[in-house]
Amino acid sequence: MGASTMLDMIGSFVVGGMLFLMALRLNASAVEESSVYNGNLILQQNMTTTVNLIETDFRKIGYCRNWRMIPDPSQSIRIADSNRLRFWTDLGNDGTLDSLTYYLGPASELNDTPNPRDRFLYRQEDANPPERMNLGITQFQLRYRDAEDSIIAFPVTDPREVNSLELSIAIESAAPMTQQYMNDTSQYQVFWRQIRLVTKNLRNR
């Protein structure tokens, strides 16, 4: 075997190795792009599910099929905090008054997920055990406006002043694929804000 043949074989190994490494990198990139796309799709679905449920419930604040059960709608909201809201409504549309509470749990409850910021969102009907929603929620923030559209400062000592709500929700992936995405939340986070959520029952005073 001549020196020329040996050099050809070495060159072939080098070129083959480079092509193999390129193929591995392309495959890893494709897997990462697919994971990011699927992750974003799940985030959008989780956000849609969360927003639809919350908006449906919040628009029923102060509603009761038997209006005599809530003679003064301004007293419908019982607790108005930055991440907790409790109010009267008629969940079954049966004329019976129900208490509904939404609140955000502490981040320490979800230590088993790689994301240190995700939390449970709780929905509690009357005195029943609260339902826990684990959809990657990292922010559930409420602000309240009075009849003049001015922000009401916390703590809200008189919930009767509330005329409309401002709601902000952020959802992140429970398991970001790489540390890069863990550091840059914009890569795996969706954000939604309702600037003015008005329930007609609150304004019927």
Protein backbone atom coordinates (compact mmCIF):
# COMPACT_ATOMS: atom_id res chain seq x y z
CA MET A 1 0.00 0.00 0.00
CA GLY A 2 1.53 3.23 -1.14
CA ALA A 3 1.79 6.52 0.73
CA SER A 4 -0.74 8.06 -1.61
CA THR A 5 -3.33 5.40 -0.79
CA MET A 6 -2.69 5.86 2.94
CA LEU A 7 -3.22 9.61 2.64
CA ASP A 8 -6.42 9.02 0.70
CA MET A 9 -7.73 6.74 3.45
CA ILE A 10 -6.85 9.24 6.18
CA GLY A 11 -8.50 12.02 4.22
CA SER A 12 -11.61 9.89 3.75
CA PHE A 13 -11.78 9.22 7.51
CA VAL A 14 -11.42 12.93 8.27
CA VAL A 15 -14.08 13.97 5.76
CA GLY A 16 -16.38 11.17 6.89
CA GLY A 17 -15.95 12.18 10.52
CA MET A 18 -16.76 15.79 9.73
CA LEU A 19 -19.87 14.78 7.79
CA PHE A 20 -20.93 12.55 10.69
CA LEU A 21 -20.54 15.39 13.18
CA MET A 22 -22.50 17.71 10.92
CA ALA A 23 -25.29 15.15 10.68
CA LEU A 24 -25.37 14.82 14.48
CA ARG A 25 -25.58 18.59 14.88
CA LEU A 26 -28.35 18.89 12.31
CA ASN A 27 -30.29 16.11 14.02
CA ALA A 28 -29.87 17.73 17.45
CA SER A 29 -30.98 21.07 16.05
CA ALA A 30 -34.05 19.48 14.45
CA VAL A 31 -34.95 17.74 17.71
CA GLU A 32 -34.55 21.00 19.63
CA GLU A 33 -36.66 22.97 17.16
CA SER A 34 -39.36 20.31 17.29
CA SER A 35 -39.35 20.31 21.09
CA VAL A 36 -39.57 24.12 21.23
CA TYR A 37 -42.43 24.14 18.71
CA ASN A 38 -44.36 21.44 20.58
CA GLY A 39 -43.67 23.21 23.86
CA ASN A 40 -45.02 26.50 22.51
CA LEU A 41 -48.11 24.73 21.19
CA ILE A 42 -48.79 23.25 24.64
CA LEU A 43 -48.30 26.67 26.23
CA GLN A 44 -50.83 28.25 23.88
CA GLN A 45 -53.34 25.47 24.60
CA ASN A 46 -52.83 25.82 28.37
CA MET A 47 -53.30 29.58 28.14
CA THR A 48 -56.50 29.22 26.09
CA THR A 49 -57.93 26.73 28.58
CA THR A 50 -57.06 28.94 31.56
CA VAL A 51 -58.35 32.19 30.07
CA ASN A 52 -61.64 30.68 28.84
CA LEU A 53 -62.41 29.26 32.29
CA ILE A 54 -61.46 32.42 34.20
CA GLU A 55 -63.27 34.83 31.88
CA THR A 56 -66.42 32.71 31.99
CA ASP A 57 -66.38 32.68 35.79
CA PHE A 58 -65.42 36.32 36.29
CA ARG A 59 -68.14 37.59 33.97
CA LYS A 60 -70.64 35.90 36.29
CA ILE A 61 -69.62 37.97 39.31
CA GLY A 62 -72.80 39.15 41.00
CA TYR A 63 -75.07 37.03 38.80
CA CYS A 64 -77.89 34.93 40.25
CA ARG A 65 -80.89 33.58 38.44
CA ASN A 66 -82.93 34.64 41.47
CA TRP A 67 -81.91 38.29 41.59
CA ARG A 68 -83.38 38.64 45.07
CA MET A 69 -80.46 36.59 46.39
CA ILE A 70 -78.14 39.51 45.50
CA PRO A 71 -80.25 42.64 46.06
CA ASP A 72 -77.09 44.79 46.12
CA PRO A 73 -74.64 43.65 43.39
CA SER A 74 -71.95 45.97 44.76
CA GLN A 75 -71.53 43.47 47.60
CA SER A 76 -70.82 40.58 45.22
CA ILE A 77 -67.04 40.74 45.63
CA ARG A 78 -65.98 39.54 49.06
CA ILE A 79 -62.17 39.49 48.77
CA ALA A 80 -60.18 41.51 46.22
CA ASP A 81 -56.44 40.92 46.50
CA SER A 82 -53.57 40.97 44.01
CA ASN A 83 -53.73 37.20 43.46
CA ARG A 84 -56.97 36.20 45.19
CA LEU A 85 -60.57 36.93 44.29
CA ARG A 86 -63.70 35.68 46.04
CA PHE A 87 -67.20 36.55 44.92
CA TRP A 88 -70.85 35.53 44.89
CA THR A 89 -72.36 33.98 41.77
CA ASP A 90 -74.82 31.34 40.59
CA LEU A 91 -72.65 28.54 39.19
CA GLY A 92 -75.49 26.15 38.40
CA ASN A 93 -77.88 28.82 37.12
CA ASP A 94 -80.40 27.39 39.57
CA GLY A 95 -81.11 30.45 41.68
CA THR A 96 -78.78 29.28 44.45
CA LEU A 97 -76.01 31.60 45.59
CA ASP A 98 -72.49 30.14 45.39
CA SER A 99 -69.13 31.39 46.60
CA LEU A 100 -66.28 31.11 44.10
CA THR A 101 -62.63 31.77 44.94
CA TYR A 102 -59.55 31.94 42.72
CA TYR A 103 -56.08 32.17 44.23
CA LEU A 104 -52.47 31.42 43.37
CA GLY A 105 -50.49 28.94 45.44
CA PRO A 106 -46.82 29.30 46.47
CA ALA A 107 -44.01 28.20 44.15
CA SER A 108 -42.81 25.74 46.82
CA GLU A 109 -45.78 23.47 46.06
CA LEU A 110 -44.28 22.48 42.69
CA ASN A 111 -40.71 21.67 43.65
CA ASP A 112 -40.90 18.46 41.59
CA THR A 113 -40.86 20.41 38.30
CA PRO A 114 -37.62 21.80 36.79
CA ASN A 115 -39.17 25.27 36.50
CA PRO A 116 -38.83 27.02 39.89
CA ARG A 117 -41.52 29.59 39.05
CA ASP A 118 -44.61 27.53 38.17
CA ARG A 119 -47.47 27.32 40.67
CA PHE A 120 -50.89 25.83 41.22
CA LEU A 121 -53.90 28.00 40.43
CA TYR A 122 -56.75 27.14 42.77
CA ARG A 123 -60.47 27.33 42.04
CA GLN A 124 -62.74 26.72 45.02
CA GLU A 125 -66.52 26.44 44.93
CA ASP A 126 -68.20 27.15 48.27
CA ALA A 127 -66.60 25.06 51.06
CA ASN A 128 -65.59 22.23 48.73
CA PRO A 129 -61.92 21.23 48.46
CA PRO A 130 -60.26 23.55 45.92
CA GLU A 131 -59.44 22.30 42.45
CA ARG A 132 -55.76 22.65 41.54
CA MET A 133 -54.77 23.62 38.02
CA ASN A 134 -51.20 22.71 37.09
CA LEU A 135 -50.81 24.39 33.70
CA GLY A 136 -47.46 26.10 34.19
CA ILE A 137 -48.91 29.31 35.60
CA THR A 138 -46.23 31.63 36.95
CA GLN A 139 -48.27 34.82 37.24
CA PHE A 140 -51.89 35.45 38.17
CA GLN A 141 -52.17 39.12 38.98
CA LEU A 142 -55.27 41.19 39.57
CA ARG A 143 -55.82 44.93 39.75
CA TYR A 144 -59.09 46.71 40.29
CA ARG A 145 -60.61 49.93 38.99
CA ASP A 146 -63.37 52.08 40.43
CA ALA A 147 -66.29 53.74 38.63
CA GLU A 148 -63.97 56.54 37.47
CA ASP A 149 -61.57 53.97 35.95
CA SER A 150 -58.87 54.73 38.52
CA ILE A 151 -56.71 51.94 39.94
CA ILE A 152 -57.71 51.04 43.50
CA ALA A 153 -54.68 50.82 45.78
CA PHE A 154 -53.98 47.68 47.82
CA PRO A 155 -55.22 46.60 50.22
CA VAL A 156 -58.74 46.92 48.86
CA THR A 157 -60.58 47.68 52.07
CA ASP A 158 -63.97 48.19 50.43
CA PRO A 159 -64.63 45.74 47.56
CA ARG A 160 -67.84 47.63 46.80
CA GLU A 161 -65.67 50.22 45.02
CA VAL A 162 -64.62 47.68 42.36
CA ASN A 163 -66.17 48.43 38.99
CA SER A 164 -63.88 46.47 36.66
CA LEU A 165 -60.87 44.15 36.81
CA GLU A 166 -57.48 44.00 35.13
CA LEU A 167 -56.08 40.48 34.88
CA SER A 168 -52.56 39.37 33.87
CA ILE A 169 -51.56 35.74 33.39
CA ALA A 170 -48.19 34.23 32.46
CA ILE A 171 -47.63 30.56 31.68
CA GLU A 172 -44.24 28.89 31.27
CA SER A 173 -43.16 25.39 30.38
CA ALA A 174 -42.79 23.20 33.47
CA ALA A 175 -39.62 21.69 31.98
CA PRO A 176 -37.61 24.05 29.72
CA MET A 177 -35.46 22.01 27.36
CA THR A 178 -32.11 23.66 28.05
CA GLN A 179 -30.52 26.08 30.47
CA GLN A 180 -30.61 28.63 27.65
CA TYR A 181 -34.41 28.67 27.80
CA MET A 182 -34.40 28.58 31.58
CA ASN A 183 -32.46 31.86 31.55
CA ASP A 184 -34.52 33.45 28.76
CA THR A 185 -38.19 33.05 29.65
CA SER A 186 -39.31 34.63 26.37
CA GLN A 187 -38.37 31.37 24.67
CA TYR A 188 -40.96 29.33 26.54
CA GLN A 189 -43.45 31.79 28.04
CA VAL A 190 -46.83 33.12 26.91
CA PHE A 191 -48.44 36.18 28.46
CA TRP A 192 -52.04 37.39 28.38
CA ARG A 193 -53.63 40.51 29.81
CA GLN A 194 -57.22 41.70 29.95
CA ILE A 195 -57.04 45.44 30.57
CA ARG A 196 -60.70 45.92 31.36
CA LEU A 197 -62.79 42.94 32.36
CA VAL A 198 -66.28 44.17 33.13
CA THR A 199 -69.19 42.16 34.44
CA LYS A 200 -72.56 43.75 33.76
CA ASN A 201 -73.90 42.49 37.08
CA LEU A 202 -71.41 44.55 39.06
CA ARG A 203 -72.48 47.72 37.29
CA ASN A 204 -76.17 47.06 37.84
CA ARG A 205 -76.39 49.08 41.06
